[in-house]
Structure formats: structure tokens, C-alpha cells
Amino acid sequence: MWQPTASIETLKNRALFIASIRQFFTARGVWEVETPILSNNTITDLHLDAFETQFDFDTNGQAKSLFLQTSPEFAMKRLLAAGSGAIFQINKAFRHEAAGRFHNPEFTMLEWYRPGFDDQQLMAELDELMQLTVDAKPALYLSYQQAFINYLSFDPLTTNLEQLKLIIAKHSNDEWLQKESNPDTLLQWLFSMKIEPVLGYKEQAYEEKDKQWTPCFIYNFPASQASLAKINQQDKRVAHRFELYYQGVELANGFYELQDKAEQQKRFENDNQLRTQAGLLQKPVDENLLSALESGLPDCAGVAVGIDRLFMLKYNLTHINQAIAFDVNRA
């Protein structure tokens, strides 16, 4: 059990892979930053949980809770508000979720922000990065709405809860799905089970070697799933949020970033209400981020990319433990 889960040759390739990503940003004038892994605050998202630890030696002599960051997003936005300009970071992130083929509780994330970019411009830059790092074809672009219409023959922006449950019943008889009262949870189940695995896939022949994959961006997520993205002013049913999928794997989540402190605070509070309804503990709102937004976040877009998953796809690895030195079982 002392040995690494990835081969030494693979780890050397990983080092070169990460170096190529750094070169990509250096050539574009985006500079690298470091932000804390331990934080006084964490995300309020219903579907994400952070690791919590006890710090017994605070400057005031009191013990307090700290959180391992699920993403460097909040801290990087504070740098942007302070005038950093375009920045990127390759860091460790932590999410309290089940380990599996594509997830280790500790993983490596690439995140970057581009002042003056919107979501479309940032998708184009991520498209370039994909072509450079994994030799991918130029990406496909598909709205969230059109993806559901294409693959499941219904419009997610107009379908109500009762109709959604009838659609779900055609694909699953799981009792919890019929009891679920949040339409976004049902949409997410349909998306992850029925759409995500086939995005950008084209089977040319019966042989595996002839199957073709193209990266696929899904954009204009429902406004109710905006997270930290701006609402689209041309169609307020949707938000400037996008995700990237390749070979059936979710690789990236990005936003044309919300700059409005009051709206962001409202979303945090709504998240905590949803957590209470789900029987989960509320999470502390990041007042430092809200203060940064009040001070003035520049017009910008940002995205987070899973490095381990991206590396897996480049080298056709079947499990994340083959892409990292030591997984959670050998850490």
C-alpha cells in the first residue's frame, strides 16, 4: 500500500502536462496566483459539501472552525476586486463526496479569470486549451434548452414539476425521484443520466476505434441554476453559466460573473434555506466576497477545470487513481 497508484512514467507525463498549461497562460499574459486552502467560510451550495476542521489557536484565543476550499473562486474574486487583472491558479481543492472513477476527495483544479471577457469569449479560450492539451477537435456549442429538446424531446424552461415527474417515470421507477419537489434536482438527474454521457459523441462504426468524440459546451443554464453567474438580460429565464463535457465526462464549470452584492447575498441565503429544507446544516456566508463585490468586481468571466479528469482523457486512463500519485485510500 506504500506505492503510488499512478506509475512514475505517468506522473512525469503529468508534470509536463501541467507545465504546458502554465505556458498556455503565460503566453497570454495571465499570471499565476496562490490563495488559501483553509478558509473561515465556505460554499452554501446545496449539492456541495466542504471538509471542516477545528483550529484551536486563533489570535483571539478561541477555537473556531475552518473549511478546506472546494474552489479558489471566492479568494480569486477578492484579488480581481483589488485590481489583479487576468489571473489563473492550479491548486488543490477538496469536496466531501464519495470517491469514485472520476472523483477523489482531494483533487487538482485549474481556475482562471479574464476581465473584459464574457462567457462566450471564455468558452472560446477554453476550447483553445482543449485543442492544445488533449488534441481535441474544436468544440460543439449547445444551449441547455436545446440539449433537452434534442435528446429528450422536451423544453426544460417551460416544463413544470408534474410534467417532469411523468417524464422521469419513463426512465426510472426510483421512489425518491417521484417524491422530489425541486424541479432543478429532477432536471439535473435527467441531464446527468440521459444527456451528459452522449454529448459530443458520434459512432461512425461498430468498432471502438471508429467512435468519435468532440468536446461539447452546454451554455445558458436555467436562471434557477445560475450559482454565481449573471442572468441573461435578453432571456431572463437563463443565466450566463456554461459547462464543458468530453467523452462523457464533465470537465469545467464557468460563469460570466455576477457583480451585484445584493443579488449574490440573496442567492447565498436562498441556498441556506434549501439546505435547511433538505435537513442539512446551513453554511457561513462569505462576507469577504460580498465586501469585494461591494467594492467593485470588474466585468469578467471565470471557469474551473478538473486537471485530473483532463489528464485522464489525454492518456486514456480509466480511473482517477491512475492519474494521481496517491488516492484517498493510500494517502
Protein backbone atom coordinates (compact mmCIF):
# COMPACT_ATOMS: atom_id res chain seq x y z
CA MET A 1 0.00 0.00 0.00
CA TRP A 2 3.02 2.34 0.23
CA GLN A 3 3.42 2.50 -3.55
CA PRO A 4 1.81 5.23 -5.70
CA THR A 5 -1.41 4.44 -7.50
CA ALA A 6 -0.06 6.02 -10.72
CA SER A 7 3.10 4.85 -12.45
CA ILE A 8 6.22 7.01 -12.28
CA GLU A 9 6.11 7.43 -16.05
CA THR A 10 2.54 8.69 -15.81
CA LEU A 11 3.48 11.15 -13.07
CA LYS A 12 6.32 12.51 -15.21
CA ASN A 13 3.85 12.97 -18.08
CA ARG A 14 1.52 14.72 -15.65
CA ALA A 15 4.27 17.19 -14.72
CA LEU A 16 4.82 18.01 -18.41
CA PHE A 17 1.06 18.29 -18.91
CA ILE A 18 0.69 20.84 -16.10
CA ALA A 19 3.74 22.74 -17.35
CA SER A 20 2.07 23.07 -20.78
CA ILE A 21 -1.00 24.58 -19.13
CA ARG A 22 1.15 27.13 -17.32
CA GLN A 23 2.87 28.01 -20.62
CA PHE A 24 -0.56 28.50 -22.23
CA PHE A 25 -1.47 31.22 -19.74
CA THR A 26 1.97 32.81 -19.53
CA ALA A 27 1.91 33.31 -23.31
CA ARG A 28 -1.41 35.14 -22.92
CA GLY A 29 -0.33 37.46 -20.13
CA VAL A 30 -2.40 35.71 -17.44
CA TRP A 31 -0.38 35.49 -14.23
CA GLU A 32 -0.41 32.74 -11.63
CA VAL A 33 -1.64 33.36 -8.08
CA GLU A 34 -1.96 31.38 -4.86
CA THR A 35 -4.83 31.68 -2.41
CA PRO A 36 -5.56 29.89 0.91
CA ILE A 37 -6.77 26.32 1.04
CA LEU A 38 -8.06 26.86 4.59
CA SER A 39 -10.82 29.45 4.88
CA ASN A 40 -13.10 30.93 7.53
CA ASN A 41 -16.05 30.50 5.16
CA THR A 42 -17.24 28.05 2.53
CA ILE A 43 -19.80 27.48 -0.19
CA THR A 44 -23.53 27.41 0.59
CA ASP A 45 -24.43 25.27 -2.45
CA LEU A 46 -26.98 22.55 -1.65
CA HIS A 47 -25.10 19.95 -3.69
CA LEU A 48 -21.55 20.59 -2.42
CA ASP A 49 -20.05 19.86 0.98
CA ALA A 50 -16.70 21.05 2.28
CA PHE A 51 -14.42 19.36 4.80
CA GLU A 52 -14.46 21.16 8.14
CA THR A 53 -11.64 21.22 10.68
CA GLN A 54 -11.06 22.70 14.12
CA PHE A 55 -8.46 25.43 14.71
CA ASP A 56 -7.67 25.78 18.40
CA PHE A 57 -5.19 28.66 18.29
CA ASP A 58 -6.93 31.68 16.80
CA THR A 59 -5.42 35.09 17.59
CA ASN A 60 -8.29 35.82 19.99
CA GLY A 61 -7.54 32.68 21.95
CA GLN A 62 -10.77 30.96 20.92
CA ALA A 63 -11.22 27.79 18.90
CA LYS A 64 -13.05 28.08 15.60
CA SER A 65 -13.99 26.06 12.53
CA LEU A 66 -12.10 26.35 9.25
CA PHE A 67 -13.01 24.85 5.90
CA LEU A 68 -10.94 23.23 3.17
CA GLN A 69 -11.78 25.09 -0.02
CA THR A 70 -13.94 23.41 -2.65
CA SER A 71 -12.65 26.00 -5.13
CA PRO A 72 -10.40 29.09 -5.02
CA GLU A 73 -13.19 31.15 -6.61
CA PHE A 74 -14.09 33.47 -3.73
CA ALA A 75 -10.46 34.32 -2.90
CA MET A 76 -9.58 34.90 -6.56
CA LYS A 77 -12.51 37.28 -6.93
CA ARG A 78 -11.15 39.26 -3.98
CA LEU A 79 -7.88 39.59 -5.90
CA LEU A 80 -9.77 40.70 -9.01
CA ALA A 81 -11.61 43.36 -6.98
CA ALA A 82 -8.21 44.54 -5.68
CA GLY A 83 -7.02 45.12 -9.26
CA SER A 84 -5.13 41.92 -10.10
CA GLY A 85 -6.12 41.75 -13.75
CA ALA A 86 -6.23 38.36 -15.55
CA ILE A 87 -5.18 35.53 -13.19
CA PHE A 88 -5.04 31.75 -13.03
CA GLN A 89 -4.37 29.15 -10.35
CA ILE A 90 -3.57 25.44 -10.26
CA ASN A 91 -4.41 24.30 -6.76
CA LYS A 92 -5.69 21.50 -4.56
CA ALA A 93 -9.42 21.52 -3.90
CA PHE A 94 -11.45 19.32 -1.55
CA ARG A 95 -15.02 18.08 -1.75
CA HIS A 96 -16.70 15.81 0.77
CA GLU A 97 -18.18 13.41 -1.78
CA ALA A 98 -17.88 9.70 -2.47
CA ALA A 99 -14.63 8.63 -4.11
CA GLY A 100 -15.10 7.02 -7.49
CA ARG A 101 -13.85 6.67 -11.03
CA PHE A 102 -13.72 10.42 -11.67
CA HIS A 103 -13.55 11.85 -8.13
CA ASN A 104 -11.02 11.82 -5.34
CA PRO A 105 -11.90 13.93 -2.26
CA GLU A 106 -8.63 15.83 -2.80
CA PHE A 107 -8.12 16.82 -6.43
CA THR A 108 -6.32 19.34 -8.63
CA MET A 109 -8.22 22.26 -10.13
CA LEU A 110 -7.33 24.86 -12.72
CA GLU A 111 -9.25 28.09 -12.35
CA TRP A 112 -8.83 31.35 -14.24
CA TYR A 113 -10.50 34.74 -14.64
CA ARG A 114 -10.48 37.14 -17.57
CA PRO A 115 -11.53 40.78 -17.01
CA GLY A 116 -13.26 42.09 -20.13
CA PHE A 117 -14.40 38.60 -21.21
CA ASP A 118 -17.96 37.29 -21.25
CA ASP A 119 -18.93 33.60 -21.15
CA GLN A 120 -18.72 33.20 -24.93
CA GLN A 121 -15.17 34.56 -25.06
CA LEU A 122 -14.07 32.38 -22.16
CA MET A 123 -15.56 29.27 -23.78
CA ALA A 124 -13.53 30.07 -26.89
CA GLU A 125 -10.33 30.29 -24.81
CA LEU A 126 -11.10 27.01 -23.02
CA ASP A 127 -11.73 25.49 -26.47
CA GLU A 128 -8.19 26.54 -27.47
CA LEU A 129 -6.78 25.00 -24.27
CA MET A 130 -8.55 21.71 -25.01
CA GLN A 131 -7.11 21.59 -28.51
CA LEU A 132 -3.61 22.23 -27.15
CA THR A 133 -3.62 19.89 -24.15
CA VAL A 134 -5.66 16.87 -25.30
CA ASP A 135 -5.56 17.29 -29.10
CA ALA A 136 -9.34 17.70 -29.14
CA LYS A 137 -11.36 18.84 -32.13
CA PRO A 138 -12.92 22.32 -31.99
CA ALA A 139 -15.85 22.13 -29.58
CA LEU A 140 -19.56 21.96 -30.23
CA TYR A 141 -21.82 24.58 -28.59
CA LEU A 142 -25.32 23.71 -27.44
CA SER A 143 -27.72 25.60 -25.18
CA TYR A 144 -29.13 23.81 -22.13
CA GLN A 145 -32.60 24.20 -23.60
CA GLN A 146 -31.63 22.77 -26.98
CA ALA A 147 -29.82 19.82 -25.38
CA PHE A 148 -33.04 18.69 -23.66
CA ILE A 149 -35.04 19.22 -26.84
CA ASN A 150 -32.52 17.26 -28.92
CA TYR A 151 -32.02 14.33 -26.57
CA LEU A 152 -35.24 14.11 -24.54
CA SER A 153 -37.79 15.97 -26.70
CA PHE A 154 -38.99 18.49 -24.14
CA ASP A 155 -38.25 22.10 -23.20
CA PRO A 156 -36.74 22.36 -19.68
CA LEU A 157 -37.59 26.06 -19.48
CA THR A 158 -41.35 25.54 -19.84
CA THR A 159 -41.95 22.09 -18.30
CA ASN A 160 -43.49 22.10 -14.81
CA LEU A 161 -42.85 19.76 -11.87
CA GLU A 162 -45.80 17.46 -12.59
CA GLN A 163 -44.78 17.08 -16.24
CA LEU A 164 -41.18 16.44 -15.21
CA LYS A 165 -42.24 13.56 -12.97
CA LEU A 166 -44.15 11.97 -15.84
CA ILE A 167 -41.02 12.22 -17.99
CA ILE A 168 -38.86 10.82 -15.18
CA ALA A 169 -41.21 7.83 -14.80
CA LYS A 170 -40.35 6.77 -18.36
CA HIS A 171 -36.70 6.43 -17.37
CA SER A 172 -36.71 5.35 -13.71
CA ASN A 173 -39.02 3.94 -11.06
CA ASP A 174 -36.89 5.18 -8.17
CA GLU A 175 -39.26 6.36 -5.44
CA TRP A 176 -37.15 9.34 -4.36
CA LEU A 177 -37.47 10.91 -7.81
CA GLN A 178 -41.26 10.92 -7.56
CA LYS A 179 -41.07 12.44 -4.07
CA GLU A 180 -38.62 15.16 -5.12
CA SER A 181 -40.15 18.67 -5.10
CA ASN A 182 -37.26 20.63 -6.64
CA PRO A 183 -37.54 20.77 -10.46
CA ASP A 184 -33.82 21.55 -10.79
CA THR A 185 -32.92 18.32 -9.00
CA LEU A 186 -35.04 16.36 -11.48
CA LEU A 187 -33.58 18.23 -14.43
CA GLN A 188 -30.09 17.53 -13.14
CA TRP A 189 -30.87 13.82 -12.83
CA LEU A 190 -32.14 13.69 -16.41
CA PHE A 191 -29.17 15.65 -17.66
CA SER A 192 -26.55 13.57 -15.87
CA MET A 193 -28.14 10.20 -16.69
CA LYS A 194 -29.52 10.72 -20.18
CA ILE A 195 -27.68 13.63 -21.81
CA GLU A 196 -24.22 14.02 -20.31
CA PRO A 197 -22.95 10.51 -21.29
CA VAL A 198 -23.57 11.13 -25.02
CA LEU A 199 -22.73 14.80 -25.52
CA GLY A 200 -20.38 15.24 -28.47
CA TYR A 201 -20.49 11.54 -29.33
CA LYS A 202 -20.73 10.21 -32.86
CA GLU A 203 -20.49 6.50 -33.56
CA GLN A 204 -19.04 6.05 -37.04
CA ALA A 205 -18.86 2.25 -36.97
CA TYR A 206 -19.27 -0.70 -34.65
CA GLU A 207 -15.60 -0.88 -33.74
CA GLU A 208 -14.42 1.07 -30.71
CA LYS A 209 -11.55 2.69 -32.64
CA ASP A 210 -14.03 4.34 -35.01
CA LYS A 211 -16.07 6.06 -32.33
CA GLN A 212 -15.57 9.83 -32.36
CA TRP A 213 -15.88 12.35 -29.54
CA THR A 214 -15.94 16.13 -29.72
CA PRO A 215 -15.88 18.45 -26.67
CA CYS A 216 -19.31 20.00 -26.11
CA PHE A 217 -20.17 23.21 -24.28
CA ILE A 218 -23.59 23.49 -22.67
CA TYR A 219 -24.50 27.13 -22.00
CA ASN A 220 -27.45 29.27 -20.86
CA PHE A 221 -28.36 27.18 -17.83
CA PRO A 222 -31.72 27.96 -16.18
CA ALA A 223 -31.68 31.11 -14.03
CA SER A 224 -32.56 28.94 -11.03
CA GLN A 225 -29.18 27.19 -11.53
CA ALA A 226 -27.20 30.42 -12.04
CA SER A 227 -24.95 29.94 -8.98
CA LEU A 228 -22.53 32.90 -9.30
CA ALA A 229 -23.38 33.85 -12.89
CA LYS A 230 -25.20 36.88 -14.29
CA ILE A 231 -28.76 36.50 -15.53
CA ASN A 232 -29.10 36.86 -19.31
CA GLN A 233 -30.82 40.20 -19.92
CA GLN A 234 -32.14 39.09 -23.33
CA ASP A 235 -33.80 36.00 -21.81
CA LYS A 236 -34.14 36.20 -18.05
CA ARG A 237 -35.12 32.54 -17.87
CA VAL A 238 -31.43 31.67 -18.30
CA ALA A 239 -28.05 32.61 -16.84
CA HIS A 240 -24.58 33.15 -18.31
CA ARG A 241 -23.32 29.80 -16.99
CA PHE A 242 -21.65 27.07 -19.02
CA GLU A 243 -20.19 23.59 -18.56
CA LEU A 244 -17.84 21.55 -20.74
CA TYR A 245 -18.24 17.83 -21.44
CA TYR A 246 -15.90 15.48 -23.27
CA GLN A 247 -16.07 11.71 -23.67
CA GLY A 248 -18.99 11.57 -21.24
CA VAL A 249 -17.08 13.45 -18.52
CA GLU A 250 -17.87 16.86 -17.01
CA LEU A 251 -14.65 18.88 -17.14
CA ALA A 252 -15.47 22.53 -16.45
CA ASN A 253 -17.98 24.94 -14.95
CA GLY A 254 -17.82 28.64 -15.81
CA PHE A 255 -19.65 31.94 -15.43
CA TYR A 256 -19.94 35.43 -16.79
CA GLU A 257 -19.51 36.57 -13.22
CA LEU A 258 -22.19 38.20 -11.10
CA GLN A 259 -21.05 41.62 -9.81
CA ASP A 260 -24.11 42.55 -7.74
CA LYS A 261 -23.54 42.18 -3.98
CA ALA A 262 -27.24 42.26 -3.04
CA GLU A 263 -28.14 39.59 -5.60
CA GLN A 264 -25.26 37.36 -4.52
CA GLN A 265 -26.24 37.70 -0.87
CA LYS A 266 -29.82 36.77 -1.76
CA ARG A 267 -28.57 33.65 -3.57
CA PHE A 268 -26.44 32.61 -0.59
CA GLU A 269 -29.43 33.00 1.71
CA ASN A 270 -31.63 31.00 -0.66
CA ASP A 271 -29.01 28.24 -0.75
CA ASN A 272 -29.07 28.01 3.03
CA GLN A 273 -32.87 27.84 3.03
CA LEU A 274 -32.67 24.92 0.61
CA ARG A 275 -30.10 23.26 2.87
CA THR A 276 -32.45 23.60 5.83
CA GLN A 277 -35.33 22.11 3.82
CA ALA A 278 -33.08 19.18 2.89
CA GLY A 279 -32.15 18.57 6.54
CA LEU A 280 -28.60 19.91 6.11
CA LEU A 281 -26.71 22.42 8.24
CA GLN A 282 -26.50 25.97 6.93
CA LYS A 283 -23.07 27.24 5.92
CA PRO A 284 -21.48 30.60 6.87
CA VAL A 285 -21.83 33.20 4.12
CA ASP A 286 -18.51 34.57 2.87
CA GLU A 287 -18.70 38.21 3.95
CA ASN A 288 -15.26 38.88 2.46
CA LEU A 289 -16.57 38.02 -1.01
CA LEU A 290 -19.64 40.20 -0.51
CA SER A 291 -17.41 43.10 0.57
CA ALA A 292 -15.27 42.58 -2.54
CA LEU A 293 -18.38 42.70 -4.74
CA GLU A 294 -19.47 45.89 -2.99
CA SER A 295 -16.04 47.40 -3.58
CA GLY A 296 -16.30 46.55 -7.26
CA LEU A 297 -15.61 43.32 -9.13
CA PRO A 298 -14.51 44.07 -12.71
CA ASP A 299 -16.65 42.83 -15.58
CA CYS A 300 -15.16 39.35 -16.08
CA ALA A 301 -15.68 35.67 -16.78
CA GLY A 302 -14.17 32.74 -14.89
CA VAL A 303 -14.01 28.96 -15.17
CA ALA A 304 -12.84 25.96 -13.14
CA VAL A 305 -11.43 22.86 -14.87
CA GLY A 306 -10.68 19.45 -13.36
CA ILE A 307 -7.00 18.77 -14.11
CA ASP A 308 -7.06 15.11 -13.06
CA ARG A 309 -10.01 14.36 -15.35
CA LEU A 310 -8.47 16.25 -18.25
CA PHE A 311 -5.22 14.32 -17.81
CA MET A 312 -7.16 11.03 -17.68
CA LEU A 313 -8.72 11.77 -21.05
CA LYS A 314 -5.39 12.67 -22.67
CA TYR A 315 -3.80 9.37 -21.67
CA ASN A 316 -6.92 7.15 -21.84
CA LEU A 317 -6.82 6.35 -18.13
CA THR A 318 -9.85 4.56 -16.75
CA HIS A 319 -9.73 5.67 -13.09
CA ILE A 320 -8.60 8.84 -11.35
CA ASN A 321 -6.23 6.85 -9.13
CA GLN A 322 -4.16 6.20 -12.26
CA ALA A 323 -3.73 9.98 -12.73
CA ILE A 324 -2.58 10.96 -9.22
CA ALA A 325 0.29 9.83 -7.02
CA PHE A 326 -1.81 8.59 -4.08
CA ASP A 327 -5.59 8.36 -3.95
CA VAL A 328 -7.57 8.72 -0.71
CA ASN A 329 -7.04 5.05 0.17
CA ARG A 330 -3.24 5.40 0.03
CA ALA A 331 -2.85 9.00 1.18
